[in-house]
Amino acid sequence: MFDHSRKVPSATVTKAAKDALTRRGVSIEAIAKIVYEMQAPYNDGLKLAHCIESVESVLEKREVQHALLVGIELDVLAEKKMLSEPLQSIVDSDEGLFGVDETIALGAVYTYGSIAVTTFGHLDKNKIGVINHLDTKKGIGVHTFLDDLVASVAACASSRIAHRTRDLEEKGETFKQLPPEDTAPESNVDGAQ
């Protein structure tokens, strides 16, 4: 049974997820650069600031936060050799047939629809930006989950930009006319924080 007295406030979870990324050497700007690379060819006037705003919005979602917290924790436990065998060896080596890392990341991606799913597949295969850096740091920490989680956040933020593009097109506008803080229209809704 759910214990309502143990609810964790949203701000606490958001901060924990962002702090976990920072501790693991991943900045919001690094993720936003991936989003920019994915979306700039399709969006006149898109700036890195729009992409940062989109990443920030994605990091407000509980599904994404939970995936980050679980995956990063498993990477850290693997670094400390605290997983039982054979899981320790599987996570340590990022074994090719181990798909749990992608499964956790995909769980968060589904929140943002088919564009996010296909973008995640592209990023998982092509390892752009900081994703490549994390994936190739063999022997320097364990990033079995983190590389996929970063791809997940970038894919979700890219999907948000793609959908926002459609909204702008319908008004005859582009990102040139959109201040970065308006990239997340849901933040301008009464009651949104």
Protein backbone atom coordinates (compact mmCIF):
# COMPACT_ATOMS: atom_id res chain seq x y z
CA MET A 1 0.00 0.00 0.00
CA PHE A 2 1.21 3.51 -0.86
CA ASP A 3 2.33 5.54 2.15
CA HIS A 4 1.18 9.12 1.49
CA SER A 5 3.33 10.44 4.32
CA ARG A 6 6.45 9.49 2.34
CA LYS A 7 5.70 11.45 -0.84
CA VAL A 8 8.81 13.04 -2.27
CA PRO A 9 8.24 16.62 -3.45
CA SER A 10 8.65 17.25 -7.18
CA ALA A 11 11.35 19.87 -6.60
CA THR A 12 13.40 17.33 -4.64
CA VAL A 13 13.20 14.74 -7.41
CA THR A 14 13.99 17.31 -10.12
CA LYS A 15 17.04 18.54 -8.21
CA ALA A 16 18.23 14.98 -7.55
CA ALA A 17 18.00 14.06 -11.24
CA LYS A 18 19.86 17.20 -12.36
CA ASP A 19 22.48 16.75 -9.64
CA ALA A 20 23.01 13.13 -10.69
CA LEU A 21 23.70 14.24 -14.27
CA THR A 22 26.13 16.89 -13.04
CA ARG A 23 27.98 14.41 -10.79
CA ARG A 24 28.40 12.13 -13.80
CA GLY A 25 29.86 14.95 -15.90
CA VAL A 26 26.85 15.63 -18.13
CA SER A 27 25.67 19.22 -18.47
CA ILE A 28 22.31 20.38 -19.73
CA GLU A 29 24.17 22.35 -22.40
CA ALA A 30 25.92 19.18 -23.64
CA ILE A 31 22.54 17.50 -24.08
CA ALA A 32 21.13 20.66 -25.71
CA LYS A 33 23.96 20.62 -28.25
CA ILE A 34 22.75 17.20 -29.41
CA VAL A 35 19.20 18.56 -29.68
CA TYR A 36 20.48 21.52 -31.68
CA GLU A 37 22.39 19.23 -34.06
CA MET A 38 19.27 17.11 -34.56
CA GLN A 39 16.80 19.97 -35.04
CA ALA A 40 18.68 22.96 -36.52
CA PRO A 41 18.41 21.72 -40.13
CA TYR A 42 14.61 21.76 -39.84
CA ASN A 43 14.11 24.92 -37.78
CA ASP A 44 14.92 28.37 -39.08
CA GLY A 45 16.20 30.58 -36.27
CA LEU A 46 16.65 27.78 -33.73
CA LYS A 47 19.25 28.70 -31.11
CA LEU A 48 21.03 26.64 -28.51
CA ALA A 49 19.05 28.56 -25.89
CA HIS A 50 15.79 27.09 -27.30
CA CYS A 51 17.30 23.62 -26.99
CA ILE A 52 18.46 24.25 -23.41
CA GLU A 53 14.92 25.33 -22.53
CA SER A 54 13.55 22.15 -24.10
CA VAL A 55 16.01 19.93 -22.17
CA GLU A 56 15.07 21.74 -18.95
CA SER A 57 11.39 21.01 -19.66
CA VAL A 58 12.08 17.33 -20.29
CA LEU A 59 13.94 17.13 -16.99
CA GLU A 60 10.75 18.27 -15.24
CA LYS A 61 8.98 15.00 -16.16
CA ARG A 62 8.84 12.36 -13.44
CA GLU A 63 9.25 9.49 -15.94
CA VAL A 64 12.54 10.99 -17.08
CA GLN A 65 13.69 11.82 -13.56
CA HIS A 66 12.98 8.31 -12.30
CA ALA A 67 14.77 6.71 -15.24
CA LEU A 68 17.82 8.93 -14.62
CA LEU A 69 17.91 8.20 -10.92
CA VAL A 70 17.59 4.43 -11.35
CA GLY A 71 20.03 4.11 -14.24
CA ILE A 72 22.70 6.36 -12.78
CA GLU A 73 22.45 4.57 -9.45
CA LEU A 74 23.02 1.22 -11.18
CA ASP A 75 26.08 2.63 -12.98
CA VAL A 76 27.48 3.92 -9.66
CA LEU A 77 26.83 0.60 -7.91
CA ALA A 78 28.59 -1.19 -10.76
CA GLU A 79 31.61 1.11 -10.39
CA LYS A 80 31.74 0.22 -6.69
CA LYS A 81 31.45 -3.51 -7.56
CA MET A 82 28.26 -3.69 -5.50
CA LEU A 83 26.09 -5.65 -7.94
CA SER A 84 25.86 -9.40 -7.65
CA GLU A 85 27.23 -11.64 -10.39
CA PRO A 86 26.60 -12.12 -13.22
CA LEU A 87 24.89 -8.70 -13.31
CA GLN A 88 28.10 -6.97 -12.18
CA SER A 89 30.05 -8.30 -15.15
CA ILE A 90 27.22 -7.63 -17.59
CA VAL A 91 26.83 -3.99 -16.55
CA ASP A 92 30.61 -3.48 -16.23
CA SER A 93 31.19 -4.61 -19.79
CA ASP A 94 28.01 -3.05 -21.24
CA GLU A 95 27.31 -6.43 -22.80
CA GLY A 96 25.73 -6.17 -26.24
CA LEU A 97 22.76 -8.42 -25.48
CA PHE A 98 21.93 -6.54 -22.27
CA GLY A 99 19.00 -4.37 -23.29
CA VAL A 100 17.80 -3.22 -19.89
CA ASP A 101 19.68 0.07 -20.26
CA GLU A 102 17.82 0.86 -23.49
CA THR A 103 14.54 -0.38 -21.99
CA ILE A 104 14.73 2.04 -19.06
CA ALA A 105 15.65 4.90 -21.40
CA LEU A 106 12.84 4.00 -23.81
CA GLY A 107 10.32 4.05 -20.98
CA ALA A 108 10.93 7.78 -20.64
CA VAL A 109 11.04 8.35 -24.42
CA TYR A 110 7.52 6.98 -24.95
CA THR A 111 6.17 10.03 -23.13
CA TYR A 112 7.13 12.18 -26.13
CA GLY A 113 5.74 10.08 -28.98
CA SER A 114 7.02 8.48 -32.16
CA ILE A 115 9.42 11.30 -33.08
CA ALA A 116 11.20 10.80 -29.77
CA VAL A 117 11.30 7.03 -30.26
CA THR A 118 12.85 7.22 -33.73
CA THR A 119 15.27 9.95 -32.61
CA PHE A 120 16.32 7.78 -29.66
CA GLY A 121 17.06 4.91 -32.06
CA HIS A 122 19.18 7.21 -34.20
CA LEU A 123 21.11 8.54 -31.18
CA ASP A 124 21.58 5.07 -29.73
CA LYS A 125 23.10 3.90 -33.00
CA ASN A 126 25.14 6.98 -33.94
CA LYS A 127 26.30 8.14 -30.48
CA ILE A 128 26.36 11.89 -31.10
CA GLY A 129 28.15 14.38 -28.83
CA VAL A 130 28.40 13.60 -25.14
CA ILE A 131 26.69 10.24 -25.79
CA ASN A 132 29.76 9.12 -27.73
CA HIS A 133 32.03 10.41 -24.99
CA LEU A 134 30.16 8.38 -22.37
CA ASP A 135 29.97 5.27 -24.55
CA THR A 136 33.71 5.25 -25.28
CA LYS A 137 34.96 5.89 -21.72
CA LYS A 138 35.60 2.19 -21.20
CA GLY A 139 37.64 1.60 -18.07
CA ILE A 140 36.92 5.13 -16.79
CA GLY A 141 33.71 4.67 -14.90
CA VAL A 142 30.62 2.72 -15.86
CA HIS A 143 28.16 4.47 -18.16
CA THR A 144 26.10 1.51 -19.32
CA PHE A 145 22.85 3.27 -18.42
CA LEU A 146 23.92 6.91 -18.65
CA ASP A 147 24.71 7.02 -22.38
CA ASP A 148 21.22 5.70 -23.17
CA LEU A 149 19.58 8.02 -20.64
CA VAL A 150 21.28 11.05 -22.18
CA ALA A 151 20.08 9.86 -25.60
CA SER A 152 16.60 9.59 -24.11
CA VAL A 153 16.60 13.15 -22.76
CA ALA A 154 17.99 14.51 -26.05
CA ALA A 155 15.39 12.57 -28.06
CA CYS A 156 12.56 13.87 -25.90
CA ALA A 157 13.82 17.46 -26.13
CA SER A 158 14.17 17.08 -29.92
CA SER A 159 10.60 15.83 -30.15
CA ARG A 160 9.39 18.83 -28.16
CA ILE A 161 11.19 21.16 -30.60
CA ALA A 162 9.67 19.32 -33.58
CA HIS A 163 6.16 19.66 -32.16
CA ARG A 164 6.75 23.31 -31.28
CA THR A 165 7.90 23.87 -34.87
CA ARG A 166 4.52 22.69 -36.10
CA ASP A 167 2.75 25.08 -33.71
CA LEU A 168 4.86 27.96 -35.01
CA GLU A 169 4.30 27.02 -38.67
CA GLU A 170 0.55 27.16 -38.15
CA LYS A 171 0.99 30.78 -36.96
CA GLY A 172 3.34 31.63 -39.84
CA GLU A 173 6.27 31.95 -37.43
CA THR A 174 9.66 30.33 -36.87
CA PHE A 175 12.02 30.04 -33.93
CA LYS A 176 13.41 33.45 -35.00
CA GLN A 177 10.32 35.05 -33.46
CA LEU A 178 10.25 32.81 -30.38
CA PRO A 179 12.14 33.84 -27.25
CA PRO A 180 13.85 30.78 -25.73
CA GLU A 181 11.78 31.03 -22.56
CA ASP A 182 8.67 30.47 -24.70
CA THR A 183 10.01 27.18 -26.08
CA ALA A 184 8.13 25.51 -23.24
CA PRO A 185 4.57 26.79 -23.69
CA GLU A 186 3.34 24.66 -20.80
CA SER A 187 5.37 26.82 -18.41
CA ASN A 188 3.12 29.77 -19.32
CA VAL A 189 -0.04 28.00 -18.22
CA ASP A 190 -1.77 29.37 -15.14
CA GLY A 191 -0.74 27.26 -12.16
CA ALA A 192 2.38 25.86 -13.85
CA GLN A 193 5.62 26.32 -11.97
